[in-house]
């Protein structure tokens, strides 16, 4: 760029906005009180504290069902071993973990998937990912890191889990009143 003078104004302005956004996110996390002891969740999340073991599948064949209203301690597979019906937006790398579980919905409504990690999830029906209706963090000190809500009608679905850093995770599927 010889002979042309570069204007740094727009670049510095964008950088300042990014710094403020990161700072406010850190301030929000710091505003939450530190956990001195675990807190048992209530309501539809109450089953979180008593998970049952469940093995995730690597394909749609032989897939286990995730029961509504019960938490599971899900054992995942290494990502290269999973054949997702629909490529996840964030599939994870060769050292991450994932898997598939079936969801059988009997009653239409809003269903919440609660996780103890930041894994990527997709609820899939007919090779299409459903759009979530809400997402956020779990109640403070409960161990629930992420919650994602979906509006579901009766029928079968597949919950795809990808990009998890550990080979196990706790998952709860709850109908939201």
C-alpha atoms as a PDB file:
ATOM      1  CA  UNK A   1       0.000   0.000   0.000  1.00  0.00           C
ATOM      2  CA  UNK A   2       2.648   2.495  -0.993  1.00  0.00           C
ATOM      3  CA  UNK A   3       1.566   6.048  -1.168  1.00  0.00           C
ATOM      4  CA  UNK A   4      -1.836   5.418   0.431  1.00  0.00           C
ATOM      5  CA  UNK A   5      -2.538   6.279   4.003  1.00  0.00           C
ATOM      6  CA  UNK A   6      -4.554   3.686   5.930  1.00  0.00           C
ATOM      7  CA  UNK A   7      -7.395   4.863   8.160  1.00  0.00           C
ATOM      8  CA  UNK A   8      -7.234   3.113  11.530  1.00  0.00           C
ATOM      9  CA  UNK A   9     -10.474   4.652  12.861  1.00  0.00           C
ATOM     10  CA  UNK A  10     -12.870   1.850  11.796  1.00  0.00           C
ATOM     11  CA  UNK A  11     -10.424  -0.870  12.890  1.00  0.00           C
ATOM     12  CA  UNK A  12      -9.897   0.675  16.331  1.00  0.00           C
ATOM     13  CA  UNK A  13     -13.645   1.237  16.745  1.00  0.00           C
ATOM     14  CA  UNK A  14     -14.394  -2.440  16.006  1.00  0.00           C
ATOM     15  CA  UNK A  15     -11.645  -3.508  18.394  1.00  0.00           C
ATOM     16  CA  UNK A  16     -13.081  -1.324  21.165  1.00  0.00           C
ATOM     17  CA  UNK A  17     -16.562  -2.855  20.660  1.00  0.00           C
ATOM     18  CA  UNK A  18     -15.061  -6.381  20.859  1.00  0.00           C
ATOM     19  CA  UNK A  19     -13.193  -5.556  24.076  1.00  0.00           C
ATOM     20  CA  UNK A  20     -16.335  -4.136  25.692  1.00  0.00           C
ATOM     21  CA  UNK A  21     -18.361  -7.225  24.672  1.00  0.00           C
ATOM     22  CA  UNK A  22     -15.790  -9.609  26.165  1.00  0.00           C
ATOM     23  CA  UNK A  23     -15.525  -7.506  29.300  1.00  0.00           C
ATOM     24  CA  UNK A  24     -19.292  -7.463  29.855  1.00  0.00           C
ATOM     25  CA  UNK A  25     -19.486 -11.246  29.379  1.00  0.00           C
ATOM     26  CA  UNK A  26     -16.753 -11.748  31.972  1.00  0.00           C
ATOM     27  CA  UNK A  27     -18.511  -9.311  34.302  1.00  0.00           C
ATOM     28  CA  UNK A  28     -21.771 -11.292  34.007  1.00  0.00           C
ATOM     29  CA  UNK A  29     -19.972 -14.544  34.888  1.00  0.00           C
ATOM     30  CA  UNK A  30     -18.157 -12.853  37.793  1.00  0.00           C
ATOM     31  CA  UNK A  31     -21.486 -11.469  39.088  1.00  0.00           C
ATOM     32  CA  UNK A  32     -22.729 -15.007  39.821  1.00  0.00           C
ATOM     33  CA  UNK A  33     -21.863 -16.104  43.352  1.00  0.00           C
ATOM     34  CA  UNK A  34     -19.180 -18.762  43.724  1.00  0.00           C
ATOM     35  CA  UNK A  35     -20.496 -22.225  44.551  1.00  0.00           C
ATOM     36  CA  UNK A  36     -19.677 -23.301  48.078  1.00  0.00           C
ATOM     37  CA  UNK A  37     -21.761 -26.491  47.829  1.00  0.00           C
ATOM     38  CA  UNK A  38     -23.801 -28.239  45.138  1.00  0.00           C
ATOM     39  CA  UNK A  39     -27.442 -27.236  44.879  1.00  0.00           C
ATOM     40  CA  UNK A  40     -30.122 -29.744  43.881  1.00  0.00           C
ATOM     41  CA  UNK A  41     -32.261 -28.452  41.026  1.00  0.00           C
ATOM     42  CA  UNK A  42     -36.021 -28.347  41.477  1.00  0.00           C
ATOM     43  CA  UNK A  43     -39.104 -28.771  39.316  1.00  0.00           C
ATOM     44  CA  UNK A  44     -38.649 -30.579  36.018  1.00  0.00           C
ATOM     45  CA  UNK A  45     -34.860 -30.553  36.588  1.00  0.00           C
ATOM     46  CA  UNK A  46     -35.049 -32.422  39.951  1.00  0.00           C
ATOM     47  CA  UNK A  47     -34.103 -35.841  38.420  1.00  0.00           C
ATOM     48  CA  UNK A  48     -30.683 -34.374  37.541  1.00  0.00           C
ATOM     49  CA  UNK A  49     -29.139 -35.607  40.794  1.00  0.00           C
ATOM     50  CA  UNK A  50     -29.838 -39.333  40.200  1.00  0.00           C
ATOM     51  CA  UNK A  51     -28.638 -40.274  36.689  1.00  0.00           C
ATOM     52  CA  UNK A  52     -28.847 -43.844  35.369  1.00  0.00           C
ATOM     53  CA  UNK A  53     -26.149 -45.224  33.052  1.00  0.00           C
ATOM     54  CA  UNK A  54     -26.836 -45.258  29.292  1.00  0.00           C
ATOM     55  CA  UNK A  55     -24.639 -46.030  26.274  1.00  0.00           C
ATOM     56  CA  UNK A  56     -24.854 -43.715  23.264  1.00  0.00           C
ATOM     57  CA  UNK A  57     -25.006 -45.342  19.831  1.00  0.00           C
ATOM     58  CA  UNK A  58     -22.612 -44.785  16.960  1.00  0.00           C
ATOM     59  CA  UNK A  59     -25.383 -45.102  14.357  1.00  0.00           C
ATOM     60  CA  UNK A  60     -29.159 -45.318  14.128  1.00  0.00           C
ATOM     61  CA  UNK A  61     -29.002 -49.117  14.398  1.00  0.00           C
ATOM     62  CA  UNK A  62     -29.438 -50.349  17.966  1.00  0.00           C
ATOM     63  CA  UNK A  63     -29.979 -46.859  19.360  1.00  0.00           C
ATOM     64  CA  UNK A  64     -31.014 -46.519  23.035  1.00  0.00           C
ATOM     65  CA  UNK A  65     -33.895 -44.324  24.174  1.00  0.00           C
ATOM     66  CA  UNK A  66     -33.394 -41.305  26.402  1.00  0.00           C
ATOM     67  CA  UNK A  67     -36.314 -41.378  28.834  1.00  0.00           C
ATOM     68  CA  UNK A  68     -38.314 -38.207  29.391  1.00  0.00           C
ATOM     69  CA  UNK A  69     -38.034 -36.983  32.976  1.00  0.00           C
ATOM     70  CA  UNK A  70     -34.971 -39.045  33.941  1.00  0.00           C
ATOM     71  CA  UNK A  71     -31.310 -38.077  33.938  1.00  0.00           C
ATOM     72  CA  UNK A  72     -28.705 -40.372  32.397  1.00  0.00           C
ATOM     73  CA  UNK A  73     -24.946 -40.631  32.670  1.00  0.00           C
ATOM     74  CA  UNK A  74     -24.291 -41.103  28.967  1.00  0.00           C
ATOM     75  CA  UNK A  75     -21.197 -42.930  27.765  1.00  0.00           C
ATOM     76  CA  UNK A  76     -20.109 -41.487  24.426  1.00  0.00           C
ATOM     77  CA  UNK A  77     -17.932 -42.738  21.574  1.00  0.00           C
ATOM     78  CA  UNK A  78     -14.946 -41.118  19.945  1.00  0.00           C
ATOM     79  CA  UNK A  79     -16.173 -38.867  17.145  1.00  0.00           C
ATOM     80  CA  UNK A  80     -14.694 -40.935  14.265  1.00  0.00           C
ATOM     81  CA  UNK A  81     -16.835 -43.897  15.449  1.00  0.00           C
ATOM     82  CA  UNK A  82     -20.137 -41.986  15.113  1.00  0.00           C
ATOM     83  CA  UNK A  83     -22.181 -41.950  11.902  1.00  0.00           C
ATOM     84  CA  UNK A  84     -24.482 -38.977  12.394  1.00  0.00           C
ATOM     85  CA  UNK A  85     -27.747 -39.019  10.395  1.00  0.00           C
ATOM     86  CA  UNK A  86     -27.153 -35.303   9.795  1.00  0.00           C
ATOM     87  CA  UNK A  87     -23.715 -33.696   9.888  1.00  0.00           C
ATOM     88  CA  UNK A  88     -23.541 -31.616  13.101  1.00  0.00           C
ATOM     89  CA  UNK A  89     -22.778 -27.920  12.721  1.00  0.00           C
ATOM     90  CA  UNK A  90     -19.942 -28.496  15.213  1.00  0.00           C
ATOM     91  CA  UNK A  91     -18.830 -32.113  14.760  1.00  0.00           C
ATOM     92  CA  UNK A  92     -15.732 -31.890  16.944  1.00  0.00           C
ATOM     93  CA  UNK A  93     -12.332 -33.325  16.168  1.00  0.00           C
ATOM     94  CA  UNK A  94     -10.893 -36.811  16.266  1.00  0.00           C
ATOM     95  CA  UNK A  95     -10.250 -36.568  20.026  1.00  0.00           C
ATOM     96  CA  UNK A  96     -13.752 -35.381  20.925  1.00  0.00           C
ATOM     97  CA  UNK A  97     -16.711 -37.598  21.842  1.00  0.00           C
ATOM     98  CA  UNK A  98     -20.273 -37.905  20.655  1.00  0.00           C
ATOM     99  CA  UNK A  99     -23.143 -40.245  20.039  1.00  0.00           C
ATOM    100  CA  UNK A 100     -26.810 -40.731  19.337  1.00  0.00           C
ATOM    101  CA  UNK A 101     -29.840 -41.434  21.521  1.00  0.00           C
ATOM    102  CA  UNK A 102     -33.474 -41.754  20.557  1.00  0.00           C
ATOM    103  CA  UNK A 103     -36.196 -39.533  21.962  1.00  0.00           C
ATOM    104  CA  UNK A 104     -39.781 -40.811  21.881  1.00  0.00           C
ATOM    105  CA  UNK A 105     -42.280 -37.995  22.399  1.00  0.00           C
ATOM    106  CA  UNK A 106     -45.828 -39.001  23.332  1.00  0.00           C
ATOM    107  CA  UNK A 107     -47.250 -35.570  24.112  1.00  0.00           C
ATOM    108  CA  UNK A 108     -46.678 -32.314  22.188  1.00  0.00           C
ATOM    109  CA  UNK A 109     -44.967 -29.571  24.124  1.00  0.00           C
ATOM    110  CA  UNK A 110     -41.713 -27.883  24.996  1.00  0.00           C
ATOM    111  CA  UNK A 111     -38.893 -30.215  25.943  1.00  0.00           C
ATOM    112  CA  UNK A 112     -35.629 -29.165  27.574  1.00  0.00           C
ATOM    113  CA  UNK A 113     -32.297 -30.923  27.075  1.00  0.00           C
ATOM    114  CA  UNK A 114     -29.981 -30.206  30.023  1.00  0.00           C
ATOM    115  CA  UNK A 115     -26.251 -31.030  29.799  1.00  0.00           C
ATOM    116  CA  UNK A 116     -23.309 -30.885  32.179  1.00  0.00           C
ATOM    117  CA  UNK A 117     -20.998 -29.790  29.348  1.00  0.00           C
ATOM    118  CA  UNK A 118     -20.848 -27.404  26.409  1.00  0.00           C
ATOM    119  CA  UNK A 119     -21.285 -30.217  23.854  1.00  0.00           C
ATOM    120  CA  UNK A 120     -23.082 -29.415  20.607  1.00  0.00           C
ATOM    121  CA  UNK A 121     -26.545 -30.987  20.291  1.00  0.00           C
ATOM    122  CA  UNK A 122     -29.016 -31.351  17.461  1.00  0.00           C
ATOM    123  CA  UNK A 123     -32.518 -32.767  17.689  1.00  0.00           C
ATOM    124  CA  UNK A 124     -33.127 -34.457  14.346  1.00  0.00           C
ATOM    125  CA  UNK A 125     -36.316 -35.700  12.699  1.00  0.00           C
ATOM    126  CA  UNK A 126     -36.545 -36.892   9.097  1.00  0.00           C
ATOM    127  CA  UNK A 127     -32.880 -35.926   8.486  1.00  0.00           C
ATOM    128  CA  UNK A 128     -33.655 -32.305   9.480  1.00  0.00           C
ATOM    129  CA  UNK A 129     -32.313 -30.471  12.535  1.00  0.00           C
ATOM    130  CA  UNK A 130     -35.012 -28.717  14.522  1.00  0.00           C
ATOM    131  CA  UNK A 131     -34.550 -25.121  15.602  1.00  0.00           C
ATOM    132  CA  UNK A 132     -34.299 -24.572  19.311  1.00  0.00           C
ATOM    133  CA  UNK A 133     -36.825 -22.263  20.936  1.00  0.00           C
ATOM    134  CA  UNK A 134     -34.588 -21.182  23.841  1.00  0.00           C
ATOM    135  CA  UNK A 135     -31.171 -21.838  25.303  1.00  0.00           C
ATOM    136  CA  UNK A 136     -29.224 -20.817  28.355  1.00  0.00           C
ATOM    137  CA  UNK A 137     -27.306 -21.926  31.418  1.00  0.00           C
ATOM    138  CA  UNK A 138     -28.640 -24.128  34.171  1.00  0.00           C
ATOM    139  CA  UNK A 139     -29.373 -22.890  37.681  1.00  0.00           C
ATOM    140  CA  UNK A 140     -26.210 -21.831  39.514  1.00  0.00           C
ATOM    141  CA  UNK A 141     -24.301 -24.562  41.399  1.00  0.00           C
ATOM    142  CA  UNK A 142     -26.457 -27.449  40.067  1.00  0.00           C
ATOM    143  CA  UNK A 143     -23.884 -28.829  37.622  1.00  0.00           C
ATOM    144  CA  UNK A 144     -26.180 -28.079  34.687  1.00  0.00           C
ATOM    145  CA  UNK A 145     -24.036 -26.111  32.260  1.00  0.00           C
ATOM    146  CA  UNK A 146     -26.312 -25.828  29.238  1.00  0.00           C
ATOM    147  CA  UNK A 147     -30.044 -26.069  28.555  1.00  0.00           C
ATOM    148  CA  UNK A 148     -31.710 -26.056  25.142  1.00  0.00           C
ATOM    149  CA  UNK A 149     -35.504 -26.075  24.578  1.00  0.00           C
ATOM    150  CA  UNK A 150     -37.348 -27.528  21.586  1.00  0.00           C
ATOM    151  CA  UNK A 151     -41.008 -27.543  20.601  1.00  0.00           C
ATOM    152  CA  UNK A 152     -41.763 -31.196  19.817  1.00  0.00           C
ATOM    153  CA  UNK A 153     -44.792 -33.054  18.488  1.00  0.00           C
ATOM    154  CA  UNK A 154     -45.456 -36.764  19.107  1.00  0.00           C
ATOM    155  CA  UNK A 155     -43.081 -39.157  17.377  1.00  0.00           C
ATOM    156  CA  UNK A 156     -39.464 -40.313  17.289  1.00  0.00           C
ATOM    157  CA  UNK A 157     -36.432 -37.999  17.242  1.00  0.00           C
ATOM    158  CA  UNK A 158     -32.682 -38.482  17.429  1.00  0.00           C
ATOM    159  CA  UNK A 159     -30.563 -36.441  19.804  1.00  0.00           C
ATOM    160  CA  UNK A 160     -27.129 -36.006  18.243  1.00  0.00           C
ATOM    161  CA  UNK A 161     -24.336 -35.098  20.637  1.00  0.00           C
ATOM    162  CA  UNK A 162     -21.018 -33.918  19.252  1.00  0.00           C
ATOM    163  CA  UNK A 163     -17.856 -32.038  20.204  1.00  0.00           C
ATOM    164  CA  UNK A 164     -17.830 -33.219  23.821  1.00  0.00           C
ATOM    165  CA  UNK A 165     -14.424 -33.139  25.474  1.00  0.00           C
ATOM    166  CA  UNK A 166     -15.048 -36.120  27.771  1.00  0.00           C
ATOM    167  CA  UNK A 167     -16.237 -39.702  27.139  1.00  0.00           C
ATOM    168  CA  UNK A 168     -19.161 -39.302  29.576  1.00  0.00           C
ATOM    169  CA  UNK A 169     -21.727 -36.635  30.288  1.00  0.00           C
ATOM    170  CA  UNK A 170     -24.947 -36.194  32.217  1.00  0.00           C
ATOM    171  CA  UNK A 171     -28.055 -35.494  30.126  1.00  0.00           C
ATOM    172  CA  UNK A 172     -31.643 -34.846  31.188  1.00  0.00           C
ATOM    173  CA  UNK A 173     -34.638 -34.590  28.868  1.00  0.00           C
ATOM    174  CA  UNK A 174     -37.533 -32.871  30.637  1.00  0.00           C
ATOM    175  CA  UNK A 175     -40.955 -31.689  29.509  1.00  0.00           C
ATOM    176  CA  UNK A 176     -41.318 -28.041  30.464  1.00  0.00           C
ATOM    177  CA  UNK A 177     -44.717 -27.206  32.007  1.00  0.00           C
END
